[in-house]
């Protein structure tokens, strides 16, 4: 397993990245009420929050498969994850700093920080695994 990730460093980065995805999947889908309350979002947003969380579940399940099967040829998955993270980062900046629709007293910059960190982690993974994923 460690060889599939070019060493322990990239394996740990992979695990940390997708533990973040699993965390948000759980928060959005199974802890929806508390998640919405934390950010001051009306409970009528539950359906779309769970819809959003479903994408995290799908990505996490695919990451588990890659963890078990290997990274060879998995570049489309890694690039998709990078593009999702990067998009979320820029949309977070736009939403919180520019447009401000829905921003309230409970709004934090987590919507910028979390996708920013995930973008960095996915960039590290693509770079560090490029000899394996681009086969």
C-alpha atoms as a PDB file:
ATOM      1  CA  UNK A   1       0.000   0.000   0.000  1.00  0.00           C
ATOM      2  CA  UNK A   2       2.785   2.424   0.881  1.00  0.00           C
ATOM      3  CA  UNK A   3       4.465   1.699  -2.473  1.00  0.00           C
ATOM      4  CA  UNK A   4       1.252   2.660  -4.303  1.00  0.00           C
ATOM      5  CA  UNK A   5       1.629   6.112  -2.763  1.00  0.00           C
ATOM      6  CA  UNK A   6       5.375   6.589  -3.295  1.00  0.00           C
ATOM      7  CA  UNK A   7       6.019   6.374   0.420  1.00  0.00           C
ATOM      8  CA  UNK A   8       4.429   7.111   3.742  1.00  0.00           C
ATOM      9  CA  UNK A   9       4.287  10.907   3.259  1.00  0.00           C
ATOM     10  CA  UNK A  10       1.884  10.803   0.292  1.00  0.00           C
ATOM     11  CA  UNK A  11      -0.148   8.032   1.904  1.00  0.00           C
ATOM     12  CA  UNK A  12      -0.628  10.218   4.994  1.00  0.00           C
ATOM     13  CA  UNK A  13      -1.532  13.242   2.828  1.00  0.00           C
ATOM     14  CA  UNK A  14      -4.086  11.062   0.999  1.00  0.00           C
ATOM     15  CA  UNK A  15      -5.600   9.787   4.247  1.00  0.00           C
ATOM     16  CA  UNK A  16      -5.746  13.249   5.836  1.00  0.00           C
ATOM     17  CA  UNK A  17      -7.338  14.716   2.704  1.00  0.00           C
ATOM     18  CA  UNK A  18     -10.070  12.115   2.535  1.00  0.00           C
ATOM     19  CA  UNK A  19     -10.661  12.102   6.283  1.00  0.00           C
ATOM     20  CA  UNK A  20     -11.576  15.757   5.709  1.00  0.00           C
ATOM     21  CA  UNK A  21     -13.992  14.677   2.992  1.00  0.00           C
ATOM     22  CA  UNK A  22     -15.461  11.992   5.282  1.00  0.00           C
ATOM     23  CA  UNK A  23     -15.862  14.578   8.056  1.00  0.00           C
ATOM     24  CA  UNK A  24     -17.835  16.944   5.835  1.00  0.00           C
ATOM     25  CA  UNK A  25     -19.850  14.032   4.397  1.00  0.00           C
ATOM     26  CA  UNK A  26     -20.894  13.033   7.899  1.00  0.00           C
ATOM     27  CA  UNK A  27     -21.657  16.624   8.916  1.00  0.00           C
ATOM     28  CA  UNK A  28     -23.748  17.321   5.816  1.00  0.00           C
ATOM     29  CA  UNK A  29     -25.661  14.039   5.621  1.00  0.00           C
ATOM     30  CA  UNK A  30     -25.956  12.607   9.126  1.00  0.00           C
ATOM     31  CA  UNK A  31     -25.475  15.639  11.381  1.00  0.00           C
ATOM     32  CA  UNK A  32     -27.419  18.014   9.171  1.00  0.00           C
ATOM     33  CA  UNK A  33     -29.407  19.883  11.817  1.00  0.00           C
ATOM     34  CA  UNK A  34     -26.348  20.708  13.930  1.00  0.00           C
ATOM     35  CA  UNK A  35     -24.350  21.573  10.801  1.00  0.00           C
ATOM     36  CA  UNK A  36     -27.014  24.028   9.660  1.00  0.00           C
ATOM     37  CA  UNK A  37     -27.410  25.501  13.142  1.00  0.00           C
ATOM     38  CA  UNK A  38     -23.648  26.020  13.426  1.00  0.00           C
ATOM     39  CA  UNK A  39     -23.714  28.351  10.433  1.00  0.00           C
ATOM     40  CA  UNK A  40     -27.119  29.931  11.058  1.00  0.00           C
ATOM     41  CA  UNK A  41     -28.727  28.267   8.048  1.00  0.00           C
ATOM     42  CA  UNK A  42     -32.482  27.623   8.068  1.00  0.00           C
ATOM     43  CA  UNK A  43     -33.468  23.967   8.257  1.00  0.00           C
ATOM     44  CA  UNK A  44     -35.163  24.249   4.871  1.00  0.00           C
ATOM     45  CA  UNK A  45     -31.610  24.033   3.490  1.00  0.00           C
ATOM     46  CA  UNK A  46     -31.304  20.424   4.701  1.00  0.00           C
ATOM     47  CA  UNK A  47     -32.109  18.787   1.366  1.00  0.00           C
ATOM     48  CA  UNK A  48     -29.463  20.744  -0.541  1.00  0.00           C
ATOM     49  CA  UNK A  49     -26.948  20.294   2.283  1.00  0.00           C
ATOM     50  CA  UNK A  50     -27.430  16.526   2.109  1.00  0.00           C
ATOM     51  CA  UNK A  51     -27.244  16.676  -1.684  1.00  0.00           C
ATOM     52  CA  UNK A  52     -23.887  18.443  -1.335  1.00  0.00           C
ATOM     53  CA  UNK A  53     -22.766  15.864   1.234  1.00  0.00           C
ATOM     54  CA  UNK A  54     -23.570  13.047  -1.185  1.00  0.00           C
ATOM     55  CA  UNK A  55     -20.704  14.216  -3.399  1.00  0.00           C
ATOM     56  CA  UNK A  56     -18.342  13.937  -0.443  1.00  0.00           C
ATOM     57  CA  UNK A  57     -19.592  10.400   0.192  1.00  0.00           C
ATOM     58  CA  UNK A  58     -19.014   9.379  -3.419  1.00  0.00           C
ATOM     59  CA  UNK A  59     -15.507  10.825  -3.442  1.00  0.00           C
ATOM     60  CA  UNK A  60     -14.675   9.210  -0.106  1.00  0.00           C
ATOM     61  CA  UNK A  61     -15.864   5.797  -1.306  1.00  0.00           C
ATOM     62  CA  UNK A  62     -13.760   6.144  -4.448  1.00  0.00           C
ATOM     63  CA  UNK A  63     -10.768   7.145  -2.307  1.00  0.00           C
ATOM     64  CA  UNK A  64     -11.229   3.987  -0.227  1.00  0.00           C
ATOM     65  CA  UNK A  65     -11.207   1.922  -3.421  1.00  0.00           C
ATOM     66  CA  UNK A  66      -8.005   3.640  -4.590  1.00  0.00           C
ATOM     67  CA  UNK A  67      -6.479   3.061  -1.169  1.00  0.00           C
ATOM     68  CA  UNK A  68      -7.195  -0.665  -1.467  1.00  0.00           C
ATOM     69  CA  UNK A  69      -6.599  -1.203  -5.199  1.00  0.00           C
ATOM     70  CA  UNK A  70      -3.854   1.292  -5.977  1.00  0.00           C
ATOM     71  CA  UNK A  71      -3.287   4.612  -7.665  1.00  0.00           C
ATOM     72  CA  UNK A  72      -2.259   3.407 -11.123  1.00  0.00           C
ATOM     73  CA  UNK A  73      -4.143   5.264 -13.830  1.00  0.00           C
ATOM     74  CA  UNK A  74      -6.327   7.143 -11.323  1.00  0.00           C
ATOM     75  CA  UNK A  75      -5.452  10.588 -12.678  1.00  0.00           C
ATOM     76  CA  UNK A  76      -9.057  11.495 -13.644  1.00  0.00           C
ATOM     77  CA  UNK A  77     -10.127  11.048 -10.016  1.00  0.00           C
ATOM     78  CA  UNK A  78      -7.251  13.105  -8.626  1.00  0.00           C
ATOM     79  CA  UNK A  79      -7.746  15.886 -11.168  1.00  0.00           C
ATOM     80  CA  UNK A  80     -11.497  15.966 -10.497  1.00  0.00           C
ATOM     81  CA  UNK A  81     -10.860  16.240  -6.755  1.00  0.00           C
ATOM     82  CA  UNK A  82      -8.349  19.049  -7.357  1.00  0.00           C
ATOM     83  CA  UNK A  83     -10.815  20.951  -9.570  1.00  0.00           C
ATOM     84  CA  UNK A  84     -13.612  20.518  -7.011  1.00  0.00           C
ATOM     85  CA  UNK A  85     -11.367  21.791  -4.223  1.00  0.00           C
ATOM     86  CA  UNK A  86     -10.110  24.725  -6.288  1.00  0.00           C
ATOM     87  CA  UNK A  87     -13.650  25.647  -7.349  1.00  0.00           C
ATOM     88  CA  UNK A  88     -14.871  25.481  -3.744  1.00  0.00           C
ATOM     89  CA  UNK A  89     -11.950  27.695  -2.692  1.00  0.00           C
ATOM     90  CA  UNK A  90     -12.728  30.417  -5.246  1.00  0.00           C
ATOM     91  CA  UNK A  91     -16.479  30.181  -4.672  1.00  0.00           C
ATOM     92  CA  UNK A  92     -15.852  30.469  -0.928  1.00  0.00           C
ATOM     93  CA  UNK A  93     -13.885  33.669  -1.495  1.00  0.00           C
ATOM     94  CA  UNK A  94     -16.595  35.016  -3.780  1.00  0.00           C
ATOM     95  CA  UNK A  95     -19.419  34.052  -1.409  1.00  0.00           C
ATOM     96  CA  UNK A  96     -17.875  35.296   1.832  1.00  0.00           C
ATOM     97  CA  UNK A  97     -15.813  38.290   0.718  1.00  0.00           C
ATOM     98  CA  UNK A  98     -17.511  39.623  -2.429  1.00  0.00           C
ATOM     99  CA  UNK A  99     -21.174  38.640  -2.883  1.00  0.00           C
ATOM    100  CA  UNK A 100     -21.989  38.047   0.819  1.00  0.00           C
ATOM    101  CA  UNK A 101     -25.383  36.468   0.092  1.00  0.00           C
ATOM    102  CA  UNK A 102     -26.261  34.448   3.185  1.00  0.00           C
ATOM    103  CA  UNK A 103     -23.403  35.854   5.264  1.00  0.00           C
ATOM    104  CA  UNK A 104     -24.502  36.363   8.861  1.00  0.00           C
ATOM    105  CA  UNK A 105     -23.038  36.674  12.357  1.00  0.00           C
ATOM    106  CA  UNK A 106     -22.254  32.933  12.395  1.00  0.00           C
ATOM    107  CA  UNK A 107     -20.350  33.018   9.109  1.00  0.00           C
ATOM    108  CA  UNK A 108     -16.682  32.122   9.424  1.00  0.00           C
ATOM    109  CA  UNK A 109     -13.919  31.865   6.847  1.00  0.00           C
ATOM    110  CA  UNK A 110     -14.050  28.062   7.078  1.00  0.00           C
ATOM    111  CA  UNK A 111     -15.594  28.151   3.593  1.00  0.00           C
ATOM    112  CA  UNK A 112     -12.285  29.560   2.350  1.00  0.00           C
ATOM    113  CA  UNK A 113      -9.790  27.844   4.661  1.00  0.00           C
ATOM    114  CA  UNK A 114     -11.061  24.249   4.349  1.00  0.00           C
ATOM    115  CA  UNK A 115     -11.150  24.159   0.527  1.00  0.00           C
ATOM    116  CA  UNK A 116      -7.838  26.041   0.440  1.00  0.00           C
ATOM    117  CA  UNK A 117      -6.186  23.344   2.544  1.00  0.00           C
ATOM    118  CA  UNK A 118      -7.849  20.594   0.498  1.00  0.00           C
ATOM    119  CA  UNK A 119      -6.614  22.249  -2.708  1.00  0.00           C
ATOM    120  CA  UNK A 120      -3.052  22.291  -1.386  1.00  0.00           C
ATOM    121  CA  UNK A 121      -3.301  18.643  -0.304  1.00  0.00           C
ATOM    122  CA  UNK A 122      -4.713  17.543  -3.666  1.00  0.00           C
ATOM    123  CA  UNK A 123      -1.974  19.478  -5.477  1.00  0.00           C
ATOM    124  CA  UNK A 124       0.658  17.709  -3.374  1.00  0.00           C
ATOM    125  CA  UNK A 125      -0.930  14.358  -4.198  1.00  0.00           C
ATOM    126  CA  UNK A 126      -1.032  14.986  -7.946  1.00  0.00           C
ATOM    127  CA  UNK A 127       2.591  16.115  -7.936  1.00  0.00           C
ATOM    128  CA  UNK A 128       3.853  13.318  -5.699  1.00  0.00           C
ATOM    129  CA  UNK A 129       1.922  10.544  -7.411  1.00  0.00           C
ATOM    130  CA  UNK A 130       2.299  11.741 -11.012  1.00  0.00           C
ATOM    131  CA  UNK A 131       4.498   8.781 -11.980  1.00  0.00           C
ATOM    132  CA  UNK A 132       1.765   6.382 -10.811  1.00  0.00           C
ATOM    133  CA  UNK A 133      -1.501   8.096 -11.671  1.00  0.00           C
ATOM    134  CA  UNK A 134      -0.574   9.122 -15.232  1.00  0.00           C
ATOM    135  CA  UNK A 135       0.009   5.584 -16.507  1.00  0.00           C
END
